[in-house]
Amino acid sequence: MYNTARVVKRITSGKTLCIDIVVGNDGRIVELIVSGDFFVYPEEAIEAIEEKARGCLIDELIGFIKELEFTPIGFSKEDLVRAVVEAYRRAINK
């Protein structure tokens, strides 16, 4: 069985950050989608985060996001981490 959650955050800069997550009963992330009205450089960074998430535990993913070299425009890495953690918690607490 899978648990899902969606978090939509309005960032201080006025940008929107949306996290859709699917978590398995074992706590591993099955799917993660990061979307919104923002930019990142390089563009492939969001794709890399989504790929890394598959099969990961939340702590592994958070470490990956913090270590990944990318520049978010319109939000911070910490904004992204908070949104992902919130979505994960919502999913596992259903």
C-alpha atoms as a PDB file:
ATOM      1  CA  MET A   1       0.000   0.000   0.000  1.00  0.00           C
ATOM      2  CA  TYR A   2       1.134   3.525  -0.746  1.00  0.00           C
ATOM      3  CA  ASN A   3       0.502   6.812   1.023  1.00  0.00           C
ATOM      4  CA  THR A   4       0.354  10.079  -0.877  1.00  0.00           C
ATOM      5  CA  ALA A   5       0.478  13.747   0.026  1.00  0.00           C
ATOM      6  CA  ARG A   6       0.663  17.115  -1.656  1.00  0.00           C
ATOM      7  CA  VAL A   7       2.134  20.274  -0.161  1.00  0.00           C
ATOM      8  CA  VAL A   8       1.807  23.654  -1.830  1.00  0.00           C
ATOM      9  CA  LYS A   9       3.932  26.409  -0.291  1.00  0.00           C
ATOM     10  CA  ARG A  10       3.890  30.084  -1.089  1.00  0.00           C
ATOM     11  CA  ILE A  11       7.502  31.158  -0.593  1.00  0.00           C
ATOM     12  CA  THR A  12       8.336  34.593   0.836  1.00  0.00           C
ATOM     13  CA  SER A  13       9.528  35.705  -2.603  1.00  0.00           C
ATOM     14  CA  GLY A  14       6.000  35.112  -3.915  1.00  0.00           C
ATOM     15  CA  LYS A  15       6.909  31.923  -5.756  1.00  0.00           C
ATOM     16  CA  THR A  16       4.942  28.683  -5.396  1.00  0.00           C
ATOM     17  CA  LEU A  17       6.613  25.374  -4.558  1.00  0.00           C
ATOM     18  CA  CYS A  18       4.554  22.184  -4.915  1.00  0.00           C
ATOM     19  CA  ILE A  19       5.618  18.760  -3.680  1.00  0.00           C
ATOM     20  CA  ASP A  20       3.728  15.578  -4.591  1.00  0.00           C
ATOM     21  CA  ILE A  21       4.988  12.463  -2.838  1.00  0.00           C
ATOM     22  CA  VAL A  22       4.178   8.763  -2.720  1.00  0.00           C
ATOM     23  CA  VAL A  23       5.611   6.795   0.211  1.00  0.00           C
ATOM     24  CA  GLY A  24       5.558   3.031   0.696  1.00  0.00           C
ATOM     25  CA  ASN A  25       4.670   1.315   3.959  1.00  0.00           C
ATOM     26  CA  ASP A  26       8.386   0.730   4.524  1.00  0.00           C
ATOM     27  CA  GLY A  27       8.955   4.519   4.648  1.00  0.00           C
ATOM     28  CA  ARG A  28      10.766   4.619   1.328  1.00  0.00           C
ATOM     29  CA  ILE A  29       9.803   7.223  -1.231  1.00  0.00           C
ATOM     30  CA  VAL A  30       8.198   5.694  -4.307  1.00  0.00           C
ATOM     31  CA  GLU A  31       7.724   8.906  -6.279  1.00  0.00           C
ATOM     32  CA  LEU A  32       8.478  12.595  -5.799  1.00  0.00           C
ATOM     33  CA  ILE A  33       7.417  15.440  -8.072  1.00  0.00           C
ATOM     34  CA  VAL A  34       8.696  18.972  -7.510  1.00  0.00           C
ATOM     35  CA  SER A  35       6.877  21.706  -9.396  1.00  0.00           C
ATOM     36  CA  GLY A  36       5.949  25.380  -9.164  1.00  0.00           C
ATOM     37  CA  ASP A  37       6.666  28.772 -10.648  1.00  0.00           C
ATOM     38  CA  PHE A  38      10.392  28.914 -10.017  1.00  0.00           C
ATOM     39  CA  PHE A  39      13.682  28.313 -11.782  1.00  0.00           C
ATOM     40  CA  VAL A  40      16.783  26.348 -10.872  1.00  0.00           C
ATOM     41  CA  TYR A  41      20.208  26.309 -12.423  1.00  0.00           C
ATOM     42  CA  PRO A  42      21.138  23.868 -13.791  1.00  0.00           C
ATOM     43  CA  GLU A  43      17.631  22.859 -14.869  1.00  0.00           C
ATOM     44  CA  GLU A  44      18.483  19.176 -14.465  1.00  0.00           C
ATOM     45  CA  ALA A  45      18.767  19.556 -10.682  1.00  0.00           C
ATOM     46  CA  ILE A  46      15.058  19.003 -10.038  1.00  0.00           C
ATOM     47  CA  GLU A  47      15.109  15.925 -12.257  1.00  0.00           C
ATOM     48  CA  ALA A  48      18.134  14.615 -10.320  1.00  0.00           C
ATOM     49  CA  ILE A  49      16.307  15.123  -7.011  1.00  0.00           C
ATOM     50  CA  GLU A  50      13.206  13.334  -8.281  1.00  0.00           C
ATOM     51  CA  GLU A  51      15.298  10.408  -9.564  1.00  0.00           C
ATOM     52  CA  LYS A  52      17.313  10.152  -6.343  1.00  0.00           C
ATOM     53  CA  ALA A  53      14.087  10.095  -4.294  1.00  0.00           C
ATOM     54  CA  ARG A  54      12.902   6.791  -5.779  1.00  0.00           C
ATOM     55  CA  GLY A  55      13.607   4.102  -3.201  1.00  0.00           C
ATOM     56  CA  CYS A  56      15.195   6.546  -0.737  1.00  0.00           C
ATOM     57  CA  LEU A  57      14.501   7.143   2.907  1.00  0.00           C
ATOM     58  CA  ILE A  58      13.775  10.774   3.755  1.00  0.00           C
ATOM     59  CA  ASP A  59      17.116  11.375   5.502  1.00  0.00           C
ATOM     60  CA  GLU A  60      19.036  10.174   2.451  1.00  0.00           C
ATOM     61  CA  LEU A  61      17.061  12.487   0.194  1.00  0.00           C
ATOM     62  CA  ILE A  62      17.518  15.499   2.462  1.00  0.00           C
ATOM     63  CA  GLY A  63      21.271  14.893   2.533  1.00  0.00           C
ATOM     64  CA  PHE A  64      21.307  14.652  -1.256  1.00  0.00           C
ATOM     65  CA  ILE A  65      19.390  17.922  -1.685  1.00  0.00           C
ATOM     66  CA  LYS A  66      21.711  19.756   0.706  1.00  0.00           C
ATOM     67  CA  GLU A  67      24.831  18.434  -1.038  1.00  0.00           C
ATOM     68  CA  LEU A  68      23.618  18.870  -4.620  1.00  0.00           C
ATOM     69  CA  GLU A  69      25.131  21.873  -6.340  1.00  0.00           C
ATOM     70  CA  PHE A  70      22.315  23.921  -7.817  1.00  0.00           C
ATOM     71  CA  THR A  71      21.036  27.448  -7.541  1.00  0.00           C
ATOM     72  CA  PRO A  72      17.337  27.856  -6.842  1.00  0.00           C
ATOM     73  CA  ILE A  73      15.816  31.126  -8.056  1.00  0.00           C
ATOM     74  CA  GLY A  74      12.747  32.212  -6.127  1.00  0.00           C
ATOM     75  CA  PHE A  75      13.264  29.866  -3.177  1.00  0.00           C
ATOM     76  CA  SER A  76      16.082  28.417  -1.089  1.00  0.00           C
ATOM     77  CA  LYS A  77      17.339  24.874  -0.652  1.00  0.00           C
ATOM     78  CA  GLU A  78      15.985  25.069   2.900  1.00  0.00           C
ATOM     79  CA  ASP A  79      12.515  25.973   1.542  1.00  0.00           C
ATOM     80  CA  LEU A  80      12.675  22.864  -0.628  1.00  0.00           C
ATOM     81  CA  VAL A  81      13.828  20.665   2.257  1.00  0.00           C
ATOM     82  CA  ARG A  82      11.024  21.939   4.528  1.00  0.00           C
ATOM     83  CA  ALA A  83       8.388  21.316   1.854  1.00  0.00           C
ATOM     84  CA  VAL A  84       9.647  17.786   1.108  1.00  0.00           C
ATOM     85  CA  VAL A  85       9.759  16.888   4.815  1.00  0.00           C
ATOM     86  CA  GLU A  86       6.254  18.275   5.362  1.00  0.00           C
ATOM     87  CA  ALA A  87       4.889  16.259   2.432  1.00  0.00           C
ATOM     88  CA  TYR A  88       6.645  13.129   3.676  1.00  0.00           C
ATOM     89  CA  ARG A  89       5.240  13.544   7.193  1.00  0.00           C
ATOM     90  CA  ARG A  90       1.732  14.085   5.851  1.00  0.00           C
ATOM     91  CA  ALA A  91       2.020  10.941   3.727  1.00  0.00           C
ATOM     92  CA  ILE A  92       3.228   8.668   6.527  1.00  0.00           C
ATOM     93  CA  ASN A  93       0.711  10.018   9.049  1.00  0.00           C
ATOM     94  CA  LYS A  94      -2.359   9.151   6.981  1.00  0.00           C
END
